[in-house]
C-alpha atoms as a PDB file:
ATOM      1  CA  UNK A   1    -127.616   6.295 201.401  1.00  0.00           C
ATOM      2  CA  UNK A   2    -127.149   8.599 203.587  1.00  0.00           C
ATOM      3  CA  UNK A   3    -127.674   9.206 207.553  1.00  0.00           C
ATOM      4  CA  UNK A   4    -127.417  12.145 209.302  1.00  0.00           C
ATOM      5  CA  UNK A   5    -125.798  12.241 213.089  1.00  0.00           C
ATOM      6  CA  UNK A   6    -123.438  13.751 214.739  1.00  0.00           C
ATOM      7  CA  UNK A   7    -122.245  16.501 211.894  1.00  0.00           C
ATOM      8  CA  UNK A   8    -121.440  12.575 209.230  1.00  0.00           C
ATOM      9  CA  UNK A   9    -122.672  12.478 206.404  1.00  0.00           C
ATOM     10  CA  UNK A  10    -122.267   9.007 204.502  1.00  0.00           C
ATOM     11  CA  UNK A  11    -122.864   9.315 201.132  1.00  0.00           C
ATOM     12  CA  UNK A  12    -121.459   5.786 199.587  1.00  0.00           C
ATOM     13  CA  UNK A  13    -122.400   7.292 195.643  1.00  0.00           C
ATOM     14  CA  UNK A  14    -119.671  10.181 196.227  1.00  0.00           C
ATOM     15  CA  UNK A  15    -117.011   7.861 197.365  1.00  0.00           C
ATOM     16  CA  UNK A  16    -114.059   5.885 194.872  1.00  0.00           C
ATOM     17  CA  UNK A  17    -113.045   2.837 195.142  1.00  0.00           C
ATOM     18  CA  UNK A  18    -109.828   2.954 197.036  1.00  0.00           C
ATOM     19  CA  UNK A  19    -108.839  -0.323 197.105  1.00  0.00           C
ATOM     20  CA  UNK A  20    -109.168  -3.844 195.326  1.00  0.00           C
ATOM     21  CA  UNK A  21    -107.827  -6.998 197.394  1.00  0.00           C
ATOM     22  CA  UNK A  22    -107.254  -9.937 195.872  1.00  0.00           C
ATOM     23  CA  UNK A  23    -106.918 -13.351 197.297  1.00  0.00           C
ATOM     24  CA  UNK A  24    -104.483 -16.203 196.101  1.00  0.00           C
ATOM     25  CA  UNK A  25    -102.921 -19.253 197.522  1.00  0.00           C
ATOM     26  CA  UNK A  26     -99.513 -17.608 196.096  1.00  0.00           C
ATOM     27  CA  UNK A  27     -98.952 -14.046 195.692  1.00  0.00           C
ATOM     28  CA  UNK A  28     -95.927 -14.255 194.447  1.00  0.00           C
ATOM     29  CA  UNK A  29     -97.057 -15.763 191.088  1.00  0.00           C
ATOM     30  CA  UNK A  30     -99.853 -13.833 190.827  1.00  0.00           C
ATOM     31  CA  UNK A  31     -98.018 -10.573 191.388  1.00  0.00           C
ATOM     32  CA  UNK A  32     -95.679 -11.805 188.289  1.00  0.00           C
ATOM     33  CA  UNK A  33     -98.388 -12.154 186.155  1.00  0.00           C
ATOM     34  CA  UNK A  34    -100.078  -8.601 187.348  1.00  0.00           C
ATOM     35  CA  UNK A  35     -96.422  -7.055 186.665  1.00  0.00           C
ATOM     36  CA  UNK A  36     -96.249  -8.566 182.880  1.00  0.00           C
ATOM     37  CA  UNK A  37     -99.402  -8.878 181.959  1.00  0.00           C
ATOM     38  CA  UNK A  38    -100.626  -5.635 182.815  1.00  0.00           C
ATOM     39  CA  UNK A  39     -97.471  -3.289 183.991  1.00  0.00           C
ATOM     40  CA  UNK A  40     -99.013  -2.695 187.143  1.00  0.00           C
ATOM     41  CA  UNK A  41     -95.681  -1.872 188.765  1.00  0.00           C
ATOM     42  CA  UNK A  42     -93.678  -3.950 190.916  1.00  0.00           C
ATOM     43  CA  UNK A  43     -95.568  -5.345 194.528  1.00  0.00           C
ATOM     44  CA  UNK A  44     -94.035  -4.745 197.335  1.00  0.00           C
ATOM     45  CA  UNK A  45     -94.351  -7.804 199.491  1.00  0.00           C
ATOM     46  CA  UNK A  46     -94.331  -8.194 203.277  1.00  0.00           C
ATOM     47  CA  UNK A  47     -95.058 -10.939 206.150  1.00  0.00           C
ATOM     48  CA  UNK A  48     -96.808 -10.113 209.315  1.00  0.00           C
ATOM     49  CA  UNK A  49     -98.953 -11.780 212.014  1.00  0.00           C
ATOM     50  CA  UNK A  50    -101.520  -9.776 213.992  1.00  0.00           C
ATOM     51  CA  UNK A  51    -104.555 -10.380 215.964  1.00  0.00           C
ATOM     52  CA  UNK A  52    -107.371 -10.185 213.856  1.00  0.00           C
ATOM     53  CA  UNK A  53    -111.700 -10.450 215.153  1.00  0.00           C
ATOM     54  CA  UNK A  54    -112.873 -13.112 212.835  1.00  0.00           C
ATOM     55  CA  UNK A  55    -116.711 -13.857 212.584  1.00  0.00           C
ATOM     56  CA  UNK A  56    -116.521 -12.702 216.403  1.00  0.00           C
ATOM     57  CA  UNK A  57    -113.560 -14.313 217.269  1.00  0.00           C
ATOM     58  CA  UNK A  58    -110.107 -13.268 218.738  1.00  0.00           C
ATOM     59  CA  UNK A  59    -107.579 -15.261 217.355  1.00  0.00           C
ATOM     60  CA  UNK A  60    -103.702 -14.698 215.540  1.00  0.00           C
ATOM     61  CA  UNK A  61    -103.681 -14.406 212.019  1.00  0.00           C
ATOM     62  CA  UNK A  62    -100.326 -14.571 209.917  1.00  0.00           C
ATOM     63  CA  UNK A  63    -100.286 -13.252 205.851  1.00  0.00           C
ATOM     64  CA  UNK A  64     -98.388 -12.061 202.675  1.00  0.00           C
ATOM     65  CA  UNK A  65     -99.345  -9.057 201.423  1.00  0.00           C
ATOM     66  CA  UNK A  66     -98.740  -7.634 197.752  1.00  0.00           C
ATOM     67  CA  UNK A  67     -99.015  -3.741 197.648  1.00  0.00           C
ATOM     68  CA  UNK A  68     -98.749  -1.775 194.407  1.00  0.00           C
ATOM     69  CA  UNK A  69    -100.888   0.769 192.392  1.00  0.00           C
ATOM     70  CA  UNK A  70    -102.144   0.442 189.000  1.00  0.00           C
ATOM     71  CA  UNK A  71    -104.304   3.162 187.094  1.00  0.00           C
ATOM     72  CA  UNK A  72    -104.353   5.310 190.555  1.00  0.00           C
ATOM     73  CA  UNK A  73    -105.854   2.133 192.630  1.00  0.00           C
ATOM     74  CA  UNK A  74    -103.875   0.125 195.487  1.00  0.00           C
ATOM     75  CA  UNK A  75    -103.856  -3.081 194.568  1.00  0.00           C
ATOM     76  CA  UNK A  76    -103.667  -5.905 197.062  1.00  0.00           C
ATOM     77  CA  UNK A  77    -102.712  -9.555 197.407  1.00  0.00           C
ATOM     78  CA  UNK A  78    -103.000 -11.379 200.036  1.00  0.00           C
ATOM     79  CA  UNK A  79    -102.080 -15.158 200.971  1.00  0.00           C
ATOM     80  CA  UNK A  80    -103.280 -16.597 204.172  1.00  0.00           C
ATOM     81  CA  UNK A  81    -100.801 -18.252 206.075  1.00  0.00           C
ATOM     82  CA  UNK A  82    -102.000 -19.125 209.942  1.00  0.00           C
ATOM     83  CA  UNK A  83    -105.047 -18.860 211.414  1.00  0.00           C
ATOM     84  CA  UNK A  84    -108.852 -18.231 210.119  1.00  0.00           C
ATOM     85  CA  UNK A  85    -109.796 -15.167 208.317  1.00  0.00           C
ATOM     86  CA  UNK A  86    -112.399 -13.971 205.977  1.00  0.00           C
ATOM     87  CA  UNK A  87    -109.322 -14.369 203.099  1.00  0.00           C
ATOM     88  CA  UNK A  88    -109.121 -18.462 204.315  1.00  0.00           C
ATOM     89  CA  UNK A  89    -113.069 -18.712 203.986  1.00  0.00           C
ATOM     90  CA  UNK A  90    -112.758 -17.056 200.390  1.00  0.00           C
ATOM     91  CA  UNK A  91    -110.106 -19.691 199.415  1.00  0.00           C
ATOM     92  CA  UNK A  92    -112.302 -23.012 201.778  1.00  0.00           C
ATOM     93  CA  UNK A  93    -114.746 -21.856 198.943  1.00  0.00           C
ATOM     94  CA  UNK A  94    -112.266 -23.157 195.637  1.00  0.00           C
ATOM     95  CA  UNK A  95    -112.262 -19.311 194.976  1.00  0.00           C
ATOM     96  CA  UNK A  96    -109.119 -17.222 194.302  1.00  0.00           C
ATOM     97  CA  UNK A  97    -109.389 -13.197 193.011  1.00  0.00           C
ATOM     98  CA  UNK A  98    -110.944 -10.212 193.690  1.00  0.00           C
ATOM     99  CA  UNK A  99    -112.193 -10.660 197.152  1.00  0.00           C
ATOM    100  CA  UNK A 100    -112.652  -7.258 198.463  1.00  0.00           C
ATOM    101  CA  UNK A 101    -113.008  -3.455 197.330  1.00  0.00           C
ATOM    102  CA  UNK A 102    -111.785  -0.976 200.212  1.00  0.00           C
ATOM    103  CA  UNK A 103    -112.768   2.289 201.111  1.00  0.00           C
ATOM    104  CA  UNK A 104    -110.680   5.078 202.644  1.00  0.00           C
ATOM    105  CA  UNK A 105    -112.703   6.983 205.048  1.00  0.00           C
ATOM    106  CA  UNK A 106    -111.722   9.523 208.622  1.00  0.00           C
ATOM    107  CA  UNK A 107    -114.246   7.572 210.415  1.00  0.00           C
ATOM    108  CA  UNK A 108    -115.039   3.857 210.357  1.00  0.00           C
ATOM    109  CA  UNK A 109    -117.693   4.205 212.996  1.00  0.00           C
ATOM    110  CA  UNK A 110    -120.475   5.653 210.571  1.00  0.00           C
ATOM    111  CA  UNK A 111    -120.209   3.334 208.257  1.00  0.00           C
ATOM    112  CA  UNK A 112    -119.989  -0.069 210.692  1.00  0.00           C
ATOM    113  CA  UNK A 113    -123.409   1.857 212.255  1.00  0.00           C
ATOM    114  CA  UNK A 114    -125.231   1.607 208.683  1.00  0.00           C
ATOM    115  CA  UNK A 115    -123.940  -1.462 207.720  1.00  0.00           C
ATOM    116  CA  UNK A 116    -124.948  -3.769 210.684  1.00  0.00           C
ATOM    117  CA  UNK A 117    -128.655  -1.571 210.032  1.00  0.00           C
ATOM    118  CA  UNK A 118    -128.848  -2.802 207.370  1.00  0.00           C
ATOM    119  CA  UNK A 119    -128.313  -6.563 207.925  1.00  0.00           C
ATOM    120  CA  UNK A 120    -124.587  -6.702 207.105  1.00  0.00           C
ATOM    121  CA  UNK A 121    -122.186  -9.150 208.986  1.00  0.00           C
ATOM    122  CA  UNK A 122    -118.845  -7.613 209.995  1.00  0.00           C
ATOM    123  CA  UNK A 123    -116.475 -10.823 209.194  1.00  0.00           C
ATOM    124  CA  UNK A 124    -113.077  -9.549 209.681  1.00  0.00           C
ATOM    125  CA  UNK A 125    -111.604  -6.346 212.099  1.00  0.00           C
ATOM    126  CA  UNK A 126    -108.463  -5.027 213.181  1.00  0.00           C
ATOM    127  CA  UNK A 127    -105.861  -2.704 213.152  1.00  0.00           C
ATOM    128  CA  UNK A 128    -102.266  -2.830 211.665  1.00  0.00           C
ATOM    129  CA  UNK A 129    -100.000  -0.715 212.604  1.00  0.00           C
ATOM    130  CA  UNK A 130    -102.347   2.893 212.081  1.00  0.00           C
ATOM    131  CA  UNK A 131    -104.545   1.157 209.821  1.00  0.00           C
ATOM    132  CA  UNK A 132    -107.694   0.587 211.359  1.00  0.00           C
ATOM    133  CA  UNK A 133    -110.138  -1.993 209.333  1.00  0.00           C
ATOM    134  CA  UNK A 134    -113.485  -3.254 208.981  1.00  0.00           C
ATOM    135  CA  UNK A 135    -114.368  -6.399 206.735  1.00  0.00           C
ATOM    136  CA  UNK A 136    -118.904  -6.616 205.804  1.00  0.00           C
ATOM    137  CA  UNK A 137    -119.431  -9.505 204.162  1.00  0.00           C
ATOM    138  CA  UNK A 138    -121.911  -8.147 201.311  1.00  0.00           C
ATOM    139  CA  UNK A 139    -121.007 -11.356 198.859  1.00  0.00           C
ATOM    140  CA  UNK A 140    -124.640 -12.405 198.821  1.00  0.00           C
ATOM    141  CA  UNK A 141    -125.424  -8.596 197.971  1.00  0.00           C
ATOM    142  CA  UNK A 142    -122.573  -7.682 196.098  1.00  0.00           C
ATOM    143  CA  UNK A 143    -120.869 -10.333 195.266  1.00  0.00           C
ATOM    144  CA  UNK A 144    -117.870  -9.606 196.669  1.00  0.00           C
ATOM    145  CA  UNK A 145    -116.810  -8.204 200.776  1.00  0.00           C
ATOM    146  CA  UNK A 146    -116.884  -4.141 201.423  1.00  0.00           C
ATOM    147  CA  UNK A 147    -113.680  -3.237 203.826  1.00  0.00           C
ATOM    148  CA  UNK A 148    -113.948   0.600 205.380  1.00  0.00           C
ATOM    149  CA  UNK A 149    -110.071   1.509 206.448  1.00  0.00           C
ATOM    150  CA  UNK A 150    -109.341   4.334 208.408  1.00  0.00           C
ATOM    151  CA  UNK A 151    -105.726   6.077 209.399  1.00  0.00           C
ATOM    152  CA  UNK A 152    -105.595   6.401 213.147  1.00  0.00           C
ATOM    153  CA  UNK A 153    -104.346   9.731 213.893  1.00  0.00           C
ATOM    154  CA  UNK A 154    -102.279  10.236 216.873  1.00  0.00           C
ATOM    155  CA  UNK A 155    -103.706  12.152 219.791  1.00  0.00           C
ATOM    156  CA  UNK A 156    -101.919  15.249 220.233  1.00  0.00           C
ATOM    157  CA  UNK A 157     -99.969  15.731 223.156  1.00  0.00           C
ATOM    158  CA  UNK A 158    -101.785  19.048 225.535  1.00  0.00           C
END
């Protein structure tokens, strides 16, 4: 899939998966399993509340997030606490485990445009600190969600 325009070319086949995102009811329990069973380095666990757009509605959402790196890939564990999200939707279906893959890109906008053009809906989007993210509901076509992330760069003062 390649799109041309504004000097941007998108070619997913040459990208790498930067993050594997797992959703669990208890991330501390899961972190311990992953650390002991697979030798994943200890997870840094944080908790926070943010405003997100979930299925077109702006709302408050809080979660516990565990982050580690394994085999060159970021491993993210997510435990929803309050509010609706793509993560609570996943748990509401009776599922736990791998929920999304994430690709880190320089500019999300061309990917959003292309995925919408292909008929995929944004299930969740927002920004936490400098990280802007967009989840696409690609479960039927791909078996899990695809997330694009970018680091918002500060504008230099002239």
